[in-house]
């Protein structure tokens, strides 16, 4: 009896599939705790909110600012909690309660030919979390003492609804830039039993006499990064070795050797591989095009925007053309498979009207 023709087999398969779907739906956030949160602010909402705050607090650039937004994740924080501070269960609890916010909206406010810019942060639910105003070193400002700068920062944070409840000053530094302006940085910390050896941290920045930054996060112990780097280093060595082995076996043995073998028998078909590689090149270009708005996070404002756009387009074209090198891979793979399994449907013919509806093709798709 052939199992694929048994009604009992297909009933069991459907039941198993439905059970797997239910299990995945009910346990998905346990495997991926970061998904255990609601995202109620969208990209346009984050952009509007950032521009409104910039106008209210006179952040740079003060007029005609362009804005770009993206949703980011703090992978270091998530790795630390999963590995050394309670595991996935604790991460899920902290994310659901809002005690930590590893996912954030970042909105960059910038202007062409202007070195001053501001980065604004929001939670996925739209809560204002902080900002960082970048001023060029050549921009002068009235210098304050450390106490004056600290009072300005604390007062400014309070006025913006960014509190420091329970935090204590851990360190303060100052830096004199080329214009003679003195920038102050104040770091506040408080312990949190749910973060293991990590500590909640707030960093306030004053540039000259401007309150220019507030960021809140988690100070991860340096020892974690040392241990994690050592673990990643061994994994990276294994990955590099496997990629080299795969390259030697696949490229030299499979592609080059396979094409030489097929050429000797005059059985290389190029039309299908070139068409497939062209389709993949087109989809790669479309995928890259969809990411173009986010590319403005890497825009260096000293360049003109048109020059940056030209660079992006050239990168898209080169990326698409690179996909065409897969044509020889497809040609070798299809030709060798045809030699090894001559009774199987030929790959480049299964989509033809005459072959697509046949039983062998239908059975190959299901089996």
Protein backbone atom coordinates (compact mmCIF):
# COMPACT_ATOMS: atom_id res chain seq x y z
CA UNK A 1 0.00 0.00 0.00
CA UNK A 2 1.36 3.44 -0.96
CA UNK A 3 1.06 5.84 2.01
CA UNK A 4 0.44 8.95 -0.12
CA UNK A 5 -2.72 7.34 -1.51
CA UNK A 6 -4.11 6.45 1.91
CA UNK A 7 -6.88 8.68 3.28
CA UNK A 8 -5.73 7.81 6.79
CA UNK A 9 -2.29 9.26 6.02
CA UNK A 10 -3.73 12.58 4.84
CA UNK A 11 -6.13 12.83 7.80
CA UNK A 12 -3.24 12.25 10.21
CA UNK A 13 -1.14 14.82 8.35
CA UNK A 14 -3.90 17.43 8.59
CA UNK A 15 -4.43 16.77 12.31
CA UNK A 16 -0.69 17.01 12.97
CA UNK A 17 -0.45 20.24 10.96
CA UNK A 18 -3.35 21.82 12.85
CA UNK A 19 -1.85 20.76 16.21
CA UNK A 20 1.51 22.23 15.24
CA UNK A 21 -0.15 25.51 14.22
CA UNK A 22 -2.01 25.75 17.55
CA UNK A 23 1.17 24.99 19.52
CA UNK A 24 3.13 27.60 17.56
CA UNK A 25 0.43 30.23 18.14
CA UNK A 26 0.24 29.60 21.90
CA UNK A 27 4.01 29.25 22.51
CA UNK A 28 5.46 31.67 19.98
CA UNK A 29 6.09 34.46 22.47
CA UNK A 30 7.88 32.02 24.79
CA UNK A 31 10.39 31.26 22.07
CA UNK A 32 10.58 34.92 21.02
CA UNK A 33 9.79 37.05 24.11
CA UNK A 34 10.54 40.27 22.25
CA UNK A 35 7.24 39.80 20.41
CA UNK A 36 5.35 40.01 23.70
CA UNK A 37 4.57 43.70 23.23
CA UNK A 38 2.17 45.86 21.29
CA UNK A 39 3.41 48.23 18.61
CA UNK A 40 0.86 51.02 18.42
CA UNK A 41 3.09 53.75 16.98
CA UNK A 42 3.89 53.49 13.28
CA UNK A 43 6.72 55.09 11.32
CA UNK A 44 4.75 58.16 10.27
CA UNK A 45 3.53 58.66 13.84
CA UNK A 46 7.09 58.51 15.17
CA UNK A 47 8.23 61.03 12.57
CA UNK A 48 5.43 63.49 13.37
CA UNK A 49 6.02 63.19 17.12
CA UNK A 50 9.77 63.78 16.71
CA UNK A 51 9.23 66.88 14.59
CA UNK A 52 6.71 68.24 17.09
CA UNK A 53 9.14 67.76 19.99
CA UNK A 54 11.98 69.28 17.97
CA UNK A 55 9.89 72.39 17.35
CA UNK A 56 8.90 72.60 21.01
CA UNK A 57 12.41 72.23 22.44
CA UNK A 58 14.34 73.92 19.58
CA UNK A 59 16.48 70.91 18.70
CA UNK A 60 18.84 70.98 15.73
CA UNK A 61 18.34 71.47 12.88
CA UNK A 62 16.08 74.30 13.91
CA UNK A 63 14.35 74.65 10.50
CA UNK A 64 13.64 72.65 7.33
CA UNK A 65 14.68 69.38 8.92
CA UNK A 66 14.33 66.08 7.07
CA UNK A 67 13.29 63.03 9.10
CA UNK A 68 13.74 59.27 8.79
CA UNK A 69 12.52 56.64 11.26
CA UNK A 70 13.31 52.99 11.91
CA UNK A 71 12.40 50.37 14.50
CA UNK A 72 15.49 49.00 16.27
CA UNK A 73 16.28 46.26 18.77
CA UNK A 74 18.98 46.12 21.44
CA UNK A 75 20.28 42.62 20.76
CA UNK A 76 23.06 42.93 23.35
CA UNK A 77 20.53 43.54 26.11
CA UNK A 78 18.34 40.65 25.00
CA UNK A 79 21.33 38.29 24.78
CA UNK A 80 22.49 39.32 28.26
CA UNK A 81 19.11 38.71 29.90
CA UNK A 82 18.56 35.40 28.11
CA UNK A 83 22.03 34.09 28.97
CA UNK A 84 22.80 35.54 32.40
CA UNK A 85 19.81 37.32 33.91
CA UNK A 86 16.84 34.97 34.15
CA UNK A 87 16.53 33.57 30.63
CA UNK A 88 13.70 33.92 28.15
CA UNK A 89 11.01 33.85 30.85
CA UNK A 90 12.49 36.88 32.61
CA UNK A 91 13.00 38.69 29.31
CA UNK A 92 9.36 38.12 28.41
CA UNK A 93 8.22 39.41 31.81
CA UNK A 94 10.40 42.53 31.62
CA UNK A 95 9.26 43.34 28.09
CA UNK A 96 5.56 42.75 28.84
CA UNK A 97 5.70 44.94 31.96
CA UNK A 98 7.54 47.73 30.14
CA UNK A 99 10.40 47.60 32.65
CA UNK A 100 12.86 47.45 29.79
CA UNK A 101 12.36 48.60 26.20
CA UNK A 102 14.79 46.78 23.90
CA UNK A 103 12.64 47.74 20.90
CA UNK A 104 12.51 51.43 20.04
CA UNK A 105 11.66 53.86 17.30
CA UNK A 106 14.68 55.94 16.31
CA UNK A 107 13.97 59.14 14.38
CA UNK A 108 16.85 61.05 12.82
CA UNK A 109 16.34 64.77 12.20
CA UNK A 110 18.92 66.18 9.81
CA UNK A 111 19.49 68.68 7.02
CA UNK A 112 21.77 68.68 4.01
CA UNK A 113 25.08 70.53 4.54
CA UNK A 114 24.35 70.89 8.27
CA UNK A 115 26.47 69.00 10.81
CA UNK A 116 23.94 69.56 13.60
CA UNK A 117 21.28 66.86 13.96
CA UNK A 118 19.11 65.13 16.56
CA UNK A 119 18.12 61.52 17.22
CA UNK A 120 14.79 61.04 19.03
CA UNK A 121 13.68 57.78 20.67
CA UNK A 122 10.19 56.44 21.31
CA UNK A 123 8.82 53.19 22.68
CA UNK A 124 6.74 50.98 20.33
CA UNK A 125 3.69 52.39 22.12
CA UNK A 126 4.71 56.00 21.44
CA UNK A 127 6.25 56.99 24.79
CA UNK A 128 9.03 59.57 24.46
CA UNK A 129 12.20 57.90 25.81
CA UNK A 130 15.02 60.30 25.07
CA UNK A 131 17.02 62.27 22.53
CA UNK A 132 20.57 63.03 21.46
CA UNK A 133 21.43 66.35 19.87
CA UNK A 134 24.70 66.43 17.94
CA UNK A 135 26.41 69.80 17.60
CA UNK A 136 29.51 70.44 15.48
CA UNK A 137 32.71 70.98 17.45
CA UNK A 138 33.15 74.32 15.68
CA UNK A 139 29.93 75.63 17.24
CA UNK A 140 30.79 77.68 20.32
CA UNK A 141 28.67 77.97 23.42
CA UNK A 142 28.67 79.52 26.86
CA UNK A 143 30.57 77.27 29.23
CA UNK A 144 29.06 76.12 32.53
CA UNK A 145 30.57 74.64 35.64
CA UNK A 146 29.84 70.98 36.35
CA UNK A 147 27.24 71.91 38.98
CA UNK A 148 25.54 74.39 36.67
CA UNK A 149 25.48 71.90 33.80
CA UNK A 150 24.11 69.17 36.05
CA UNK A 151 21.32 71.42 37.31
CA UNK A 152 20.48 72.37 33.71
CA UNK A 153 20.37 68.71 32.64
CA UNK A 154 18.22 67.54 35.55
CA UNK A 155 15.83 70.45 35.12
CA UNK A 156 15.62 69.93 31.36
CA UNK A 157 14.93 66.22 31.75
CA UNK A 158 12.20 66.92 34.27
CA UNK A 159 10.57 69.47 31.97
CA UNK A 160 10.47 66.85 29.21
CA UNK A 161 8.93 64.23 31.48
CA UNK A 162 12.16 62.23 31.65
CA UNK A 163 12.62 61.56 35.33
CA UNK A 164 15.52 60.30 37.43
CA UNK A 165 13.55 58.73 40.30
CA UNK A 166 15.72 56.34 42.27
CA UNK A 167 18.83 57.08 40.21
CA UNK A 168 22.10 58.24 41.78
CA UNK A 169 24.96 60.02 40.07
CA UNK A 170 27.63 57.44 39.21
CA UNK A 171 30.08 59.54 37.20
CA UNK A 172 30.53 62.86 35.43
CA UNK A 173 32.98 63.84 32.71
CA UNK A 174 33.70 66.91 30.63
CA UNK A 175 35.32 67.46 27.26
CA UNK A 176 36.58 70.66 25.64
CA UNK A 177 36.07 70.69 21.85
CA UNK A 178 37.96 72.65 19.21
CA UNK A 179 35.79 75.77 19.55
CA UNK A 180 36.54 75.96 23.28
CA UNK A 181 33.06 74.74 24.22
CA UNK A 182 32.91 72.40 27.20
CA UNK A 183 30.55 69.41 26.96
CA UNK A 184 29.45 67.65 30.15
CA UNK A 185 28.20 64.06 30.50
CA UNK A 186 26.44 62.84 33.66
CA UNK A 187 25.76 59.14 34.22
CA UNK A 188 23.09 58.06 36.71
CA UNK A 189 22.51 54.46 37.78
CA UNK A 190 20.27 52.36 39.96
CA UNK A 191 20.26 48.60 40.67
CA UNK A 192 17.50 46.31 39.49
CA UNK A 193 17.19 42.78 40.92
CA UNK A 194 15.64 41.56 37.68
CA UNK A 195 18.77 42.49 35.71
CA UNK A 196 21.32 40.42 37.60
CA UNK A 197 24.63 42.27 37.67
CA UNK A 198 23.27 44.82 35.20
CA UNK A 199 22.14 48.27 36.27
CA UNK A 200 19.60 50.70 34.90
CA UNK A 201 21.37 53.74 33.55
CA UNK A 202 20.51 57.28 32.48
CA UNK A 203 23.02 59.44 30.62
CA UNK A 204 22.49 63.21 30.44
CA UNK A 205 24.54 65.45 28.13
CA UNK A 206 25.06 69.21 28.19
CA UNK A 207 26.91 70.86 25.29
CA UNK A 208 28.01 74.33 26.30
CA UNK A 209 24.84 75.77 27.82
CA UNK A 210 22.41 73.48 25.92
CA UNK A 211 20.78 70.39 27.36
CA UNK A 212 21.56 68.09 24.44
CA UNK A 213 20.88 64.51 25.42
CA UNK A 214 19.02 62.03 27.59
CA UNK A 215 19.25 58.28 27.08
CA UNK A 216 17.99 55.52 29.33
CA UNK A 217 19.03 51.90 29.12
CA UNK A 218 20.83 49.09 30.90
CA UNK A 219 24.51 49.01 31.78
CA UNK A 220 25.59 45.48 30.87
CA UNK A 221 28.59 44.14 32.79
CA UNK A 222 31.82 44.21 30.80
CA UNK A 223 32.51 40.64 31.88
CA UNK A 224 29.50 39.49 29.88
CA UNK A 225 30.90 40.93 26.67
CA UNK A 226 34.23 39.20 27.34
CA UNK A 227 32.57 35.83 27.82
CA UNK A 228 30.15 36.37 24.95
CA UNK A 229 32.96 37.44 22.60
CA UNK A 230 34.94 34.32 23.45
CA UNK A 231 31.88 32.17 22.74
CA UNK A 232 31.22 33.98 19.49
CA UNK A 233 34.86 33.69 18.46
CA UNK A 234 34.77 29.90 18.55
CA UNK A 235 31.48 29.87 16.63
CA UNK A 236 32.95 32.28 14.09
CA UNK A 237 35.99 30.04 13.56
CA UNK A 238 33.70 27.07 12.92
CA UNK A 239 31.60 29.16 10.54
CA UNK A 240 34.64 30.34 8.57
CA UNK A 241 35.98 26.79 8.28
CA UNK A 242 32.60 25.49 7.09
CA UNK A 243 32.29 28.30 4.52
CA UNK A 244 35.75 27.53 3.13
CA UNK A 245 34.94 23.83 2.94
CA UNK A 246 31.59 24.54 1.32
CA UNK A 247 33.25 26.84 -1.19
CA UNK A 248 35.84 24.27 -2.17
CA UNK A 249 33.31 21.45 -2.44
CA UNK A 250 30.48 23.42 -4.02
CA UNK A 251 32.32 25.86 -6.29
CA UNK A 252 35.30 23.77 -7.38
CA UNK A 253 33.73 20.33 -7.15
CA UNK A 254 30.09 20.99 -7.92
CA UNK A 255 30.02 24.01 -10.20
CA UNK A 256 33.36 23.94 -12.03
CA UNK A 257 33.66 20.17 -12.06
CA UNK A 258 29.99 19.73 -12.91
CA UNK A 259 30.11 22.18 -15.82
CA UNK A 260 33.22 20.51 -17.22
CA UNK A 261 31.49 17.12 -16.96
CA UNK A 262 28.30 18.39 -18.59
CA UNK A 263 30.21 20.25 -21.30
CA UNK A 264 31.88 17.00 -22.27
CA UNK A 265 28.44 15.54 -22.91
CA UNK A 266 27.03 18.75 -24.46
CA UNK A 267 24.26 18.80 -21.84
CA UNK A 268 24.52 22.31 -20.41
CA UNK A 269 21.32 24.33 -20.63
CA UNK A 270 21.85 28.05 -20.13
CA UNK A 271 18.47 29.58 -20.88
CA UNK A 272 16.72 28.44 -17.70
CA UNK A 273 19.58 29.31 -15.32
CA UNK A 274 20.01 32.77 -16.85
CA UNK A 275 16.26 33.47 -16.62
CA UNK A 276 16.13 32.30 -12.99
CA UNK A 277 19.23 34.32 -12.05
CA UNK A 278 17.72 37.38 -13.77
CA UNK A 279 14.50 36.98 -11.79
CA UNK A 280 16.49 36.74 -8.55
CA UNK A 281 18.51 39.80 -9.56
CA UNK A 282 15.29 41.74 -10.13
CA UNK A 283 13.83 40.68 -6.77
CA UNK A 284 17.12 41.55 -5.05
CA UNK A 285 16.95 45.01 -6.62
CA UNK A 286 13.34 45.44 -5.46
CA UNK A 287 14.29 44.29 -1.97
CA UNK A 288 17.14 46.79 -1.86
CA UNK A 289 14.81 49.49 -3.16
CA UNK A 290 12.41 48.83 -0.28
CA UNK A 291 15.24 49.58 2.17
CA UNK A 292 16.23 52.87 0.54
CA UNK A 293 14.28 55.05 3.03
CA UNK A 294 16.25 53.52 5.92
CA UNK A 295 19.53 54.22 4.11
CA UNK A 296 19.22 57.86 5.12
CA UNK A 297 20.34 56.88 8.60
CA UNK A 298 23.78 56.47 7.05
CA UNK A 299 23.66 59.75 5.14
CA UNK A 300 26.71 61.96 5.74
CA UNK A 301 25.26 65.45 5.62
CA UNK A 302 28.45 67.00 4.21
CA UNK A 303 27.50 65.30 0.91
CA UNK A 304 24.68 66.55 -1.26
CA UNK A 305 21.55 64.46 -1.12
CA UNK A 306 21.68 63.85 -4.88
CA UNK A 307 25.22 62.44 -4.61
CA UNK A 308 24.06 60.10 -1.84
CA UNK A 309 21.10 58.95 -3.92
CA UNK A 310 23.40 58.20 -6.87
CA UNK A 311 25.58 56.07 -4.59
CA UNK A 312 22.53 54.15 -3.41
CA UNK A 313 21.36 53.48 -6.97
CA UNK A 314 24.82 52.31 -8.05
CA UNK A 315 24.89 49.96 -5.06
CA UNK A 316 21.49 48.55 -6.05
CA UNK A 317 22.62 47.92 -9.63
CA UNK A 318 25.86 46.24 -8.53
CA UNK A 319 23.97 44.08 -6.01
CA UNK A 320 21.53 42.97 -8.71
CA UNK A 321 24.31 42.17 -11.18
CA UNK A 322 26.10 40.06 -8.56
CA UNK A 323 23.07 37.77 -8.44
CA UNK A 324 23.74 36.82 -12.07
CA UNK A 325 26.81 34.84 -11.01
CA UNK A 326 24.39 32.21 -9.71
CA UNK A 327 23.47 31.25 -13.27
CA UNK A 328 26.41 28.77 -13.57
CA UNK A 329 25.44 27.30 -10.18
CA UNK A 330 21.88 26.66 -11.37
CA UNK A 331 23.12 25.27 -14.67
CA UNK A 332 25.45 22.80 -12.96
CA UNK A 333 22.88 21.80 -10.32
CA UNK A 334 20.10 21.18 -12.82
CA UNK A 335 22.35 19.35 -15.28
CA UNK A 336 23.87 17.04 -12.66
CA UNK A 337 20.44 16.33 -11.16
CA UNK A 338 19.16 15.42 -14.63
CA UNK A 339 22.09 13.05 -15.09
CA UNK A 340 21.59 11.42 -11.69
CA UNK A 341 17.78 11.16 -11.91
CA UNK A 342 16.81 10.96 -15.58
CA UNK A 343 13.33 9.74 -14.69
CA UNK A 344 12.50 12.92 -12.70
CA UNK A 345 10.70 15.88 -14.35
CA UNK A 346 13.13 18.37 -15.86
CA UNK A 347 13.26 21.53 -13.76
CA UNK A 348 13.09 24.03 -16.63
CA UNK A 349 10.02 22.33 -18.14
CA UNK A 350 7.78 21.88 -15.10
CA UNK A 351 6.24 25.34 -15.55
CA UNK A 352 5.29 24.80 -19.17
CA UNK A 353 1.53 24.42 -19.86
CA UNK A 354 1.97 20.88 -21.10
CA UNK A 355 3.96 19.68 -18.07
CA UNK A 356 2.58 21.67 -15.13
CA UNK A 357 -0.69 19.75 -14.88
CA UNK A 358 0.71 16.26 -15.29
CA UNK A 359 0.65 13.65 -12.54
CA UNK A 360 4.48 13.25 -12.30
CA UNK A 361 4.91 17.00 -11.68
CA UNK A 362 2.02 17.05 -9.18
CA UNK A 363 3.48 14.08 -7.35
CA UNK A 364 6.96 15.62 -7.30
CA UNK A 365 5.58 18.82 -5.74
CA UNK A 366 3.69 16.93 -3.02
CA UNK A 367 6.32 14.28 -2.38
